[in-house]
Amino acid sequence: MSNTKTNSNGLSLKNRIAYAGTDAAGNLLYCTLTSFINFYHTDVFGLSIGTAAIIALFVRILNTATVPLWGLAIDKTRSVYGKSRPWFARLAIPFGVFMCLTFFTPHLSGNSRVAYAAFTYLTASILYTGISTPITAILPNLSNESYERTKLNSFRMIGGNIGYFVTATFTLTLVSVLGRGNRQQGFSLTVLLYTAISVCMFFYAFRNTREVNAKTAKSLPIRDSFKALRSNWPWVIVVLGSAFYWLGNSTRTSSLIYYSRYYLENENYVSILNALVLTQMIGVAAIPFLARRLSKTCIMILGFFIAAVGQISLGIAGRNFTVIVIAWVITSIGTGIAVSMPFAMLSDTVDYGEYKNGVRASGFLTAVGSAVGLQVGTGLGDFVPLKLMQHFGYVANQKQSATALAAMKTGFSYLPAAFFIIGAVIMIFYYRFEKNESVVLEELVNRREKITDTDNRHRNTVHKNRLVQEV
């Protein structure tokens, strides 16, 4: 552990940076995957847009099915390093290897080429789910202090945004420089570079994080993990809201490169706009101030509303790049708020699961909840705009028809706005739980005190019996 100044839980700045590094490392690779895989498959790897769309949906459906398995694996893990932390070391290298293979172009043709693309993309996605699930699940076990957890989550969000900023801003430039005009070589070398950095960061996080309950944590039976979901309607609402956030965000980000290259006729705009996504941090930084006056429900709805306004403005902007930049920043501020809130809300649903069912499955509920929303949303967010473009006549590496350009514009602007609005409507129903949250917490405290008193009486009785026997 670090010898720098720590708080009462032993967390130093080094520990917090290590935790931030997990999301930075994950986003460095995963955002490369989500932002460029469709373009890579259609315009570099050589698949038809229809095939690429089917692969995207196929991968997300299968990957979503693995999400509960990763959550269960964490709750079943017993290690001196904790439940979540060991997975950073176990999966870092396999995840990096399959990311490299996903952006490698072998000399294959026909069905073999399609099978290779699907298999590598699927395996890389499953491994990312495996390594990202403990990033969320470890948070309740890094500290027992609520305020410290809030700070850790802020560090994580900053790290994640830095990882996304790097890949979103520099990927196409690195592809051009390293590939020297050969996009296939450029993507392979760029992802190899990102992989080397990411693997090192995951091992740094493994070495410099610590789970405070590592020695006392018990393996939770599989039946109990699923039992925590029973009648847990706040969890369902958060997952649905999160899914529509990722659906809107993935639709706009996966459409960006097509929109810039063909509609705006300037591929360099991709790096400029992606760099401006870092303005999400304005939204993230605003959350503590908003929380003083607004409920979590209202804050997330506000984030959705701001994002929707920005997206509608993008559609109105046409080809005026100055207006596009302003609208893009507005959306990014809104998404910064909307993407952050589900993590705090999922932690609250753990309390409700314990209140309703008597089971506290923090790893399962938080990890599975965040991963399901992400996988379902990004899967459909990749599939929908590709199918829309296919329907209206998109052809890779050629001048596009007016209908194809209109489809790109819709996928880039208005469609994400609609998804954000739907997400806001869904979150309205979460307020019913939030207004009664204090009652839930008070009841849990009373239950735990009763359990503690019962345990103490039992230990005292056992101790007295032993003394009698000794006498």
Protein backbone atom coordinates (compact mmCIF):
# COMPACT_ATOMS: atom_id res chain seq x y z
CA MET A 1 0.00 0.00 0.00
CA SER A 2 1.05 3.57 -0.52
CA ASN A 3 2.80 5.44 2.26
CA THR A 4 1.14 8.70 1.24
CA LYS A 5 -1.47 10.36 3.42
CA THR A 6 -4.60 8.25 3.80
CA ASN A 7 -8.07 8.64 5.28
CA SER A 8 -9.55 6.47 8.02
CA ASN A 9 -10.18 3.68 5.57
CA GLY A 10 -6.56 3.64 4.42
CA LEU A 11 -7.32 5.14 0.98
CA SER A 12 -4.65 7.35 -0.48
CA LEU A 13 -4.60 9.43 -3.62
CA LYS A 14 -2.64 6.59 -5.20
CA ASN A 15 -5.45 4.15 -4.36
CA ARG A 16 -8.07 6.45 -5.89
CA ILE A 17 -6.00 6.95 -9.02
CA ALA A 18 -5.59 3.19 -9.30
CA TYR A 19 -9.37 2.78 -9.21
CA ALA A 20 -9.78 5.55 -11.78
CA GLY A 21 -7.28 3.68 -13.93
CA THR A 22 -9.59 0.68 -14.22
CA ASP A 23 -12.20 2.67 -16.13
CA ALA A 24 -9.55 4.57 -18.07
CA ALA A 25 -8.02 1.27 -19.21
CA GLY A 26 -11.40 -0.25 -20.00
CA ASN A 27 -12.62 2.75 -21.97
CA LEU A 28 -9.37 3.08 -23.86
CA LEU A 29 -10.12 -0.26 -25.52
CA TYR A 30 -13.89 -0.58 -25.25
CA CYS A 31 -14.62 2.89 -26.64
CA THR A 32 -12.34 2.08 -29.55
CA LEU A 33 -14.52 -0.97 -30.08
CA THR A 34 -17.87 0.81 -29.82
CA SER A 35 -16.83 3.95 -31.73
CA PHE A 36 -15.03 2.34 -34.66
CA ILE A 37 -16.00 -1.33 -35.01
CA ASN A 38 -18.90 -0.67 -37.41
CA PHE A 39 -16.77 1.58 -39.60
CA TYR A 40 -13.90 -0.90 -39.43
CA HIS A 41 -16.13 -3.80 -40.45
CA THR A 42 -17.80 -1.93 -43.35
CA ASP A 43 -15.12 0.39 -44.74
CA VAL A 44 -11.88 -1.38 -43.74
CA PHE A 45 -12.55 -5.08 -43.16
CA GLY A 46 -14.87 -5.21 -46.16
CA LEU A 47 -18.15 -6.58 -44.78
CA SER A 48 -21.48 -5.41 -46.17
CA ILE A 49 -23.38 -2.99 -43.96
CA GLY A 50 -26.18 -5.53 -43.48
CA THR A 51 -23.74 -8.19 -42.31
CA ALA A 52 -22.06 -5.73 -39.96
CA ALA A 53 -25.44 -4.82 -38.47
CA ILE A 54 -26.36 -8.47 -37.87
CA ILE A 55 -22.98 -9.17 -36.27
CA ALA A 56 -23.41 -6.15 -33.97
CA LEU A 57 -26.81 -7.33 -32.77
CA PHE A 58 -25.72 -10.98 -32.52
CA VAL A 59 -22.70 -10.05 -30.39
CA ARG A 60 -24.71 -7.90 -27.99
CA ILE A 61 -27.45 -10.48 -27.49
CA LEU A 62 -24.98 -13.25 -26.65
CA ASN A 63 -22.84 -10.94 -24.55
CA THR A 64 -25.85 -9.78 -22.53
CA ALA A 65 -26.60 -13.42 -21.72
CA THR A 66 -23.17 -13.73 -20.07
CA VAL A 67 -23.68 -10.71 -17.79
CA PRO A 68 -25.34 -12.61 -14.90
CA LEU A 69 -22.56 -15.21 -15.06
CA TRP A 70 -19.92 -12.56 -14.41
CA GLY A 71 -21.98 -11.14 -11.54
CA LEU A 72 -22.35 -14.60 -10.03
CA ALA A 73 -18.65 -15.28 -10.53
CA ILE A 74 -17.80 -12.21 -8.45
CA ASP A 75 -20.21 -13.10 -5.65
CA LYS A 76 -18.81 -16.66 -5.62
CA THR A 77 -15.13 -15.60 -5.67
CA ARG A 78 -13.15 -16.28 -2.51
CA SER A 79 -9.64 -14.85 -2.51
CA VAL A 80 -7.25 -13.08 -0.17
CA TYR A 81 -7.34 -10.25 -2.71
CA GLY A 82 -11.13 -9.89 -2.46
CA LYS A 83 -14.03 -10.74 -4.75
CA SER A 84 -13.59 -8.24 -7.58
CA ARG A 85 -9.94 -7.24 -7.56
CA PRO A 86 -8.51 -10.62 -8.77
CA TRP A 87 -10.41 -10.29 -12.06
CA PHE A 88 -8.36 -7.26 -13.09
CA ALA A 89 -5.26 -9.46 -13.21
CA ARG A 90 -6.99 -12.56 -14.60
CA LEU A 91 -8.64 -10.91 -17.61
CA ALA A 92 -6.38 -8.00 -18.58
CA ILE A 93 -4.16 -9.94 -21.00
CA PRO A 94 -6.92 -12.11 -22.58
CA PHE A 95 -9.04 -9.00 -23.15
CA GLY A 96 -6.12 -7.18 -24.75
CA VAL A 97 -5.26 -10.13 -27.02
CA PHE A 98 -8.78 -10.41 -28.42
CA MET A 99 -9.04 -6.66 -28.90
CA CYS A 100 -5.96 -6.88 -31.11
CA LEU A 101 -7.41 -9.83 -33.01
CA THR A 102 -10.70 -7.96 -33.53
CA PHE A 103 -8.89 -5.19 -35.39
CA PHE A 104 -6.59 -7.52 -37.32
CA THR A 105 -7.42 -8.30 -40.96
CA PRO A 106 -6.47 -11.89 -41.90
CA HIS A 107 -6.40 -13.18 -45.48
CA LEU A 108 -9.85 -14.75 -45.42
CA SER A 109 -12.87 -14.52 -47.68
CA GLY A 110 -16.58 -15.33 -47.73
CA ASN A 111 -18.10 -16.99 -44.69
CA SER A 112 -14.69 -17.49 -43.06
CA ARG A 113 -14.20 -13.73 -43.02
CA VAL A 114 -17.64 -13.16 -41.48
CA ALA A 115 -17.08 -15.90 -38.88
CA TYR A 116 -13.71 -14.42 -37.88
CA ALA A 117 -15.20 -10.95 -37.48
CA ALA A 118 -18.10 -12.25 -35.39
CA PHE A 119 -15.97 -14.53 -33.18
CA THR A 120 -13.29 -11.97 -32.33
CA TYR A 121 -15.80 -9.17 -31.74
CA LEU A 122 -17.93 -11.43 -29.52
CA THR A 123 -15.00 -12.74 -27.48
CA ALA A 124 -13.53 -9.26 -26.97
CA SER A 125 -16.96 -8.00 -25.85
CA ILE A 126 -17.48 -10.89 -23.41
CA LEU A 127 -14.04 -10.36 -21.90
CA TYR A 128 -14.71 -6.63 -21.55
CA THR A 129 -17.91 -7.43 -19.67
CA GLY A 130 -15.87 -9.74 -17.46
CA ILE A 131 -13.31 -7.08 -16.60
CA SER A 132 -15.75 -4.14 -16.37
CA THR A 133 -18.20 -5.93 -14.07
CA PRO A 134 -15.78 -5.95 -11.10
CA ILE A 135 -15.02 -2.26 -11.70
CA THR A 136 -18.58 -1.52 -10.60
CA ALA A 137 -18.91 -4.35 -8.08
CA ILE A 138 -15.73 -3.44 -6.18
CA LEU A 139 -16.89 0.07 -5.24
CA PRO A 140 -18.98 -0.87 -2.13
CA ASN A 141 -15.99 -2.87 -0.86
CA LEU A 142 -13.28 -0.26 -1.38
CA SER A 143 -14.58 1.79 1.53
CA ASN A 144 -17.29 1.63 4.17
CA GLU A 145 -17.78 5.40 4.08
CA SER A 146 -20.51 6.80 1.83
CA TYR A 147 -18.63 10.04 1.13
CA GLU A 148 -15.47 8.15 0.20
CA ARG A 149 -17.46 6.00 -2.22
CA THR A 150 -18.80 9.17 -3.84
CA LYS A 151 -15.26 10.47 -4.30
CA LEU A 152 -14.12 7.13 -5.69
CA ASN A 153 -16.96 7.14 -8.19
CA SER A 154 -15.97 10.66 -9.26
CA PHE A 155 -12.37 9.49 -9.77
CA ARG A 156 -13.68 6.57 -11.79
CA MET A 157 -15.78 8.82 -14.02
CA ILE A 158 -12.81 11.12 -14.61
CA GLY A 159 -10.62 8.13 -15.50
CA GLY A 160 -13.25 6.76 -17.84
CA ASN A 161 -13.59 10.09 -19.60
CA ILE A 162 -9.83 10.36 -20.04
CA GLY A 163 -9.73 6.88 -21.58
CA TYR A 164 -12.57 7.78 -23.93
CA PHE A 165 -10.97 11.15 -24.78
CA VAL A 166 -7.72 9.49 -25.85
CA THR A 167 -9.28 6.91 -28.13
CA ALA A 168 -11.95 9.23 -29.52
CA THR A 169 -9.51 12.04 -30.27
CA PHE A 170 -6.38 10.27 -31.47
CA THR A 171 -7.46 6.95 -32.98
CA LEU A 172 -8.00 8.09 -36.57
CA THR A 173 -4.80 10.17 -36.47
CA LEU A 174 -2.81 7.19 -35.17
CA VAL A 175 -4.42 4.94 -37.80
CA SER A 176 -3.24 7.34 -40.49
CA VAL A 177 0.28 7.82 -39.07
CA LEU A 178 1.00 4.20 -38.12
CA GLY A 179 -0.71 2.76 -41.17
CA ARG A 180 0.91 5.17 -43.64
CA GLY A 181 -2.16 5.07 -45.83
CA ASN A 182 -3.01 1.43 -45.05
CA ARG A 183 -6.08 1.51 -42.78
CA GLN A 184 -5.88 -2.21 -41.99
CA GLN A 185 -2.33 -1.90 -40.70
CA GLY A 186 -3.14 1.40 -39.01
CA PHE A 187 -6.01 -0.01 -36.96
CA SER A 188 -3.99 -3.09 -35.97
CA LEU A 189 -1.02 -1.08 -34.70
CA THR A 190 -3.17 1.53 -32.98
CA VAL A 191 -5.14 -1.07 -31.02
CA LEU A 192 -1.90 -2.88 -30.16
CA LEU A 193 -0.57 0.36 -28.66
CA TYR A 194 -3.78 0.92 -26.68
CA THR A 195 -3.69 -2.68 -25.47
CA ALA A 196 -0.18 -2.35 -24.05
CA ILE A 197 -1.21 0.77 -22.10
CA SER A 198 -4.48 -0.77 -20.92
CA VAL A 199 -2.94 -4.01 -19.64
CA CYS A 200 -0.36 -2.08 -17.63
CA MET A 201 -3.08 0.07 -16.07
CA PHE A 202 -5.17 -2.94 -15.05
CA PHE A 203 -2.20 -4.54 -13.31
CA TYR A 204 -1.44 -1.20 -11.63
CA ALA A 205 -5.03 -1.14 -10.37
CA PHE A 206 -4.74 -4.73 -9.12
CA ARG A 207 -1.64 -3.84 -7.15
CA ASN A 208 -2.90 -0.57 -5.68
CA THR A 209 -6.52 -1.26 -4.75
CA ARG A 210 -7.71 -3.16 -1.70
CA GLU A 211 -11.08 -4.55 -0.66
CA VAL A 212 -11.71 -3.76 2.99
CA ASN A 213 -13.91 -6.83 3.50
CA ALA A 214 -11.68 -9.28 1.63
CA LYS A 215 -11.09 -11.59 4.60
CA THR A 216 -14.66 -11.66 5.89
CA ALA A 217 -16.63 -11.68 2.62
CA LYS A 218 -18.72 -14.81 2.18
CA SER A 219 -19.63 -16.60 -1.00
CA LEU A 220 -23.27 -15.84 -1.83
CA PRO A 221 -25.33 -18.81 -3.07
CA ILE A 222 -26.57 -18.47 -6.67
CA ARG A 223 -30.19 -18.80 -5.58
CA ASP A 224 -29.80 -15.88 -3.17
CA SER A 225 -28.27 -13.67 -5.87
CA PHE A 226 -31.32 -14.11 -8.10
CA LYS A 227 -33.61 -13.81 -5.08
CA ALA A 228 -32.39 -10.23 -4.64
CA LEU A 229 -34.03 -9.40 -7.99
CA ARG A 230 -37.50 -10.55 -6.93
CA SER A 231 -39.96 -7.63 -6.85
CA ASN A 232 -37.01 -5.22 -7.08
CA TRP A 233 -38.82 -2.82 -9.40
CA PRO A 234 -36.47 0.15 -8.69
CA TRP A 235 -33.62 -1.97 -10.12
CA VAL A 236 -35.66 -2.67 -13.27
CA ILE A 237 -36.40 1.04 -13.74
CA VAL A 238 -32.73 2.01 -13.41
CA VAL A 239 -31.65 -0.70 -15.85
CA LEU A 240 -34.27 0.37 -18.42
CA GLY A 241 -33.32 4.03 -18.04
CA SER A 242 -29.65 3.16 -18.39
CA ALA A 243 -30.36 1.05 -21.48
CA PHE A 244 -32.07 3.99 -23.22
CA TYR A 245 -29.16 6.25 -22.27
CA TRP A 246 -26.69 3.86 -23.90
CA LEU A 247 -29.05 3.35 -26.86
CA GLY A 248 -29.10 7.09 -27.53
CA ASN A 249 -25.41 7.60 -26.86
CA SER A 250 -24.27 4.62 -28.93
CA THR A 251 -26.53 5.58 -31.84
CA ARG A 252 -24.96 9.03 -32.05
CA THR A 253 -21.36 7.93 -31.52
CA SER A 254 -21.52 5.04 -34.00
CA SER A 255 -23.11 7.38 -36.58
CA LEU A 256 -20.53 10.13 -36.08
CA ILE A 257 -17.82 8.82 -38.38
CA TYR A 258 -20.27 8.18 -41.22
CA TYR A 259 -21.92 11.58 -40.68
CA SER A 260 -18.58 13.42 -40.71
CA ARG A 261 -17.08 11.51 -43.63
CA TYR A 262 -20.06 11.53 -45.98
CA TYR A 263 -22.53 14.21 -44.81
CA LEU A 264 -20.09 16.90 -43.63
CA GLU A 265 -17.40 15.65 -46.06
CA ASN A 266 -14.64 16.12 -43.51
CA GLU A 267 -13.42 13.07 -41.56
CA ASN A 268 -11.26 15.28 -39.33
CA TYR A 269 -14.42 16.50 -37.61
CA VAL A 270 -14.62 13.09 -35.91
CA SER A 271 -11.56 13.80 -33.76
CA ILE A 272 -12.67 17.36 -32.99
CA LEU A 273 -16.16 16.36 -31.84
CA ASN A 274 -14.94 13.32 -29.95
CA ALA A 275 -12.41 15.47 -28.11
CA LEU A 276 -15.25 17.74 -27.02
CA VAL A 277 -16.98 14.79 -25.34
CA LEU A 278 -14.63 15.57 -22.46
CA THR A 279 -17.08 18.39 -21.67
CA GLN A 280 -19.12 15.59 -20.10
CA MET A 281 -17.04 16.37 -17.03
CA ILE A 282 -18.99 19.63 -16.65
CA GLY A 283 -22.11 17.53 -16.14
CA VAL A 284 -20.32 15.11 -13.81
CA ALA A 285 -18.91 17.99 -11.74
CA ALA A 286 -22.35 19.61 -11.50
CA ILE A 287 -23.99 16.58 -9.88
CA PRO A 288 -22.89 17.28 -6.24
CA PHE A 289 -24.27 20.83 -6.53
CA LEU A 290 -27.51 19.66 -8.15
CA ALA A 291 -27.89 17.00 -5.43
CA ARG A 292 -28.24 19.74 -2.80
CA ARG A 293 -31.53 20.85 -4.35
CA LEU A 294 -32.79 18.01 -6.54
CA SER A 295 -33.55 14.31 -6.08
CA LYS A 296 -31.54 11.68 -7.96
CA THR A 297 -34.56 11.12 -10.18
CA CYS A 298 -34.79 14.79 -11.14
CA ILE A 299 -31.05 15.01 -11.77
CA MET A 300 -31.09 12.09 -14.20
CA ILE A 301 -34.19 13.39 -15.98
CA LEU A 302 -32.47 16.78 -16.29
CA GLY A 303 -29.45 15.07 -17.86
CA PHE A 304 -31.68 13.30 -20.39
CA PHE A 305 -33.49 16.57 -21.20
CA ILE A 306 -30.27 18.53 -21.79
CA ALA A 307 -28.93 15.72 -24.00
CA ALA A 308 -32.17 15.64 -26.02
CA VAL A 309 -32.08 19.41 -26.57
CA GLY A 310 -28.50 19.13 -27.82
CA GLN A 311 -29.38 16.30 -30.19
CA ILE A 312 -32.35 18.17 -31.69
CA SER A 313 -30.08 21.18 -32.16
CA LEU A 314 -27.63 18.97 -34.08
CA GLY A 315 -30.39 18.13 -36.53
CA ILE A 316 -31.32 21.77 -36.97
CA ALA A 317 -27.67 22.83 -37.42
CA GLY A 318 -27.34 21.30 -40.89
CA ARG A 319 -23.73 21.67 -42.09
CA ASN A 320 -22.90 24.70 -39.91
CA PHE A 321 -19.99 23.26 -37.97
CA THR A 322 -19.93 26.03 -35.35
CA VAL A 323 -23.53 25.30 -34.38
CA ILE A 324 -22.78 21.56 -34.50
CA VAL A 325 -19.97 22.07 -31.98
CA ILE A 326 -22.20 24.04 -29.61
CA ALA A 327 -25.00 21.49 -29.85
CA TRP A 328 -22.52 18.61 -29.37
CA VAL A 329 -21.20 20.22 -26.18
CA ILE A 330 -24.75 20.69 -24.84
CA THR A 331 -25.47 17.02 -25.46
CA SER A 332 -22.20 15.99 -23.82
CA ILE A 333 -23.00 17.93 -20.65
CA GLY A 334 -26.37 16.20 -20.49
CA THR A 335 -24.90 12.74 -21.08
CA GLY A 336 -22.29 13.41 -18.40
CA ILE A 337 -25.12 13.74 -15.90
CA ALA A 338 -27.22 10.89 -17.26
CA VAL A 339 -24.38 8.34 -17.44
CA SER A 340 -23.25 8.98 -13.87
CA MET A 341 -26.52 8.71 -11.96
CA PRO A 342 -27.33 4.98 -12.52
CA PHE A 343 -24.24 3.93 -10.55
CA ALA A 344 -25.51 5.68 -7.42
CA MET A 345 -29.06 4.50 -8.02
CA LEU A 346 -28.02 0.86 -8.44
CA SER A 347 -26.34 1.01 -5.04
CA ASP A 348 -29.68 2.15 -3.60
CA THR A 349 -31.49 -0.78 -5.23
CA VAL A 350 -29.14 -3.11 -3.33
CA ASP A 351 -30.67 -1.69 -0.15
CA TYR A 352 -34.18 -2.26 -1.54
CA GLY A 353 -33.31 -5.85 -2.47
CA GLU A 354 -32.19 -6.48 1.10
CA TYR A 355 -35.29 -4.73 2.47
CA LYS A 356 -37.68 -6.68 0.23
CA ASN A 357 -36.03 -10.10 0.08
CA GLY A 358 -33.55 -10.22 2.96
CA VAL A 359 -30.61 -10.67 0.55
CA ARG A 360 -27.83 -8.15 0.00
CA ALA A 361 -26.33 -9.08 -3.39
CA SER A 362 -24.28 -5.94 -4.01
CA GLY A 363 -21.96 -7.51 -6.58
CA PHE A 364 -24.76 -9.14 -8.55
CA LEU A 365 -27.21 -6.21 -8.59
CA THR A 366 -24.75 -3.39 -9.28
CA ALA A 367 -22.56 -5.23 -11.76
CA VAL A 368 -25.35 -6.97 -13.65
CA GLY A 369 -27.53 -3.87 -13.62
CA SER A 370 -24.89 -1.61 -15.13
CA ALA A 371 -23.71 -4.23 -17.64
CA VAL A 372 -27.19 -5.17 -18.90
CA GLY A 373 -28.09 -1.55 -19.58
CA LEU A 374 -24.77 -1.01 -21.34
CA GLN A 375 -24.89 -4.15 -23.47
CA VAL A 376 -28.53 -3.89 -24.55
CA GLY A 377 -28.26 -0.18 -25.25
CA THR A 378 -25.00 -0.25 -27.18
CA GLY A 379 -26.04 -3.36 -29.10
CA LEU A 380 -29.20 -1.77 -30.42
CA GLY A 381 -27.33 1.52 -30.80
CA ASP A 382 -24.94 -0.18 -33.22
CA PHE A 383 -27.66 -2.13 -35.04
CA VAL A 384 -30.37 0.50 -35.57
CA PRO A 385 -28.36 3.19 -37.43
CA LEU A 386 -26.64 0.59 -39.62
CA LYS A 387 -29.95 -0.95 -40.66
CA LEU A 388 -31.36 2.52 -41.26
CA MET A 389 -28.45 3.39 -43.54
CA GLN A 390 -28.70 0.04 -45.31
CA HIS A 391 -32.41 0.55 -45.94
CA PHE A 392 -31.79 3.94 -47.53
CA GLY A 393 -28.97 2.81 -49.80
CA TYR A 394 -25.60 3.25 -48.06
CA VAL A 395 -22.59 1.91 -50.02
CA ALA A 396 -19.14 1.96 -48.38
CA ASN A 397 -16.39 4.19 -49.77
CA GLN A 398 -18.64 5.82 -52.39
CA LYS A 399 -20.54 9.07 -52.81
CA GLN A 400 -23.83 8.59 -50.97
CA SER A 401 -27.37 9.18 -52.22
CA ALA A 402 -29.58 11.90 -50.72
CA THR A 403 -31.65 9.29 -48.89
CA ALA A 404 -28.56 7.64 -47.41
CA LEU A 405 -27.31 11.03 -46.20
CA ALA A 406 -30.70 11.76 -44.64
CA ALA A 407 -30.52 8.42 -42.82
CA MET A 408 -27.08 9.34 -41.46
CA LYS A 409 -28.41 12.68 -40.22
CA THR A 410 -31.38 11.02 -38.51
CA GLY A 411 -29.16 8.44 -36.82
CA PHE A 412 -26.77 11.14 -35.70
CA SER A 413 -29.28 13.67 -34.34
CA TYR A 414 -33.01 13.04 -34.04
CA LEU A 415 -33.00 9.33 -33.24
CA PRO A 416 -30.76 9.69 -30.16
CA ALA A 417 -32.96 12.58 -28.99
CA ALA A 418 -36.01 10.29 -29.10
CA PHE A 419 -34.19 7.62 -27.07
CA PHE A 420 -33.11 10.16 -24.44
CA ILE A 421 -36.69 11.42 -24.07
CA ILE A 422 -37.98 7.86 -23.60
CA GLY A 423 -35.32 7.30 -20.94
CA ALA A 424 -36.46 10.43 -19.09
CA VAL A 425 -40.07 9.25 -19.09
CA ILE A 426 -39.03 5.86 -17.67
CA MET A 427 -37.07 7.46 -14.83
CA ILE A 428 -40.13 9.39 -13.61
CA PHE A 429 -41.34 6.14 -12.00
CA TYR A 430 -38.15 5.85 -9.90
CA TYR A 431 -39.24 8.79 -7.75
CA ARG A 432 -41.82 6.58 -6.03
CA PHE A 433 -38.95 4.58 -4.52
CA GLU A 434 -36.70 7.53 -3.82
CA LYS A 435 -39.25 9.42 -1.71
CA ASN A 436 -39.50 6.35 0.57
CA GLU A 437 -35.78 5.57 0.59
CA SER A 438 -35.27 6.84 4.14
CA VAL A 439 -37.91 4.40 5.39
CA VAL A 440 -36.08 1.51 3.71
CA LEU A 441 -32.73 2.52 5.24
CA GLU A 442 -34.23 2.97 8.71
CA GLU A 443 -35.82 -0.47 8.57
CA LEU A 444 -32.51 -2.05 7.49
CA VAL A 445 -30.69 -0.40 10.38
CA ASN A 446 -33.27 -1.74 12.83
CA ARG A 447 -33.00 -5.25 11.39
CA ARG A 448 -29.21 -5.22 11.60
CA GLU A 449 -29.30 -4.00 15.19
CA LYS A 450 -31.67 -6.83 16.11
CA ILE A 451 -29.40 -9.35 14.43
CA THR A 452 -26.38 -7.91 16.24
CA ASP A 453 -28.17 -8.06 19.61
CA THR A 454 -29.22 -11.66 18.96
CA ASP A 455 -25.68 -12.64 18.00
CA ASN A 456 -24.26 -10.95 21.12
CA ARG A 457 -26.74 -12.76 23.38
CA HIS A 458 -25.88 -16.04 21.71
CA ARG A 459 -22.14 -15.49 22.20
CA ASN A 460 -22.65 -14.53 25.87
CA THR A 461 -24.71 -17.67 26.46
CA VAL A 462 -22.06 -19.85 24.86
CA HIS A 463 -19.36 -18.14 26.92
CA LYS A 464 -21.28 -18.67 30.20
CA ASN A 465 -21.87 -22.33 29.39
CA ARG A 466 -18.15 -22.84 28.79
CA LEU A 467 -17.32 -21.19 32.13
CA VAL A 468 -19.81 -23.46 33.93
CA GLN A 469 -18.28 -26.53 32.27
CA GLU A 470 -14.78 -25.41 33.28
CA VAL A 471 -15.87 -24.92 36.90
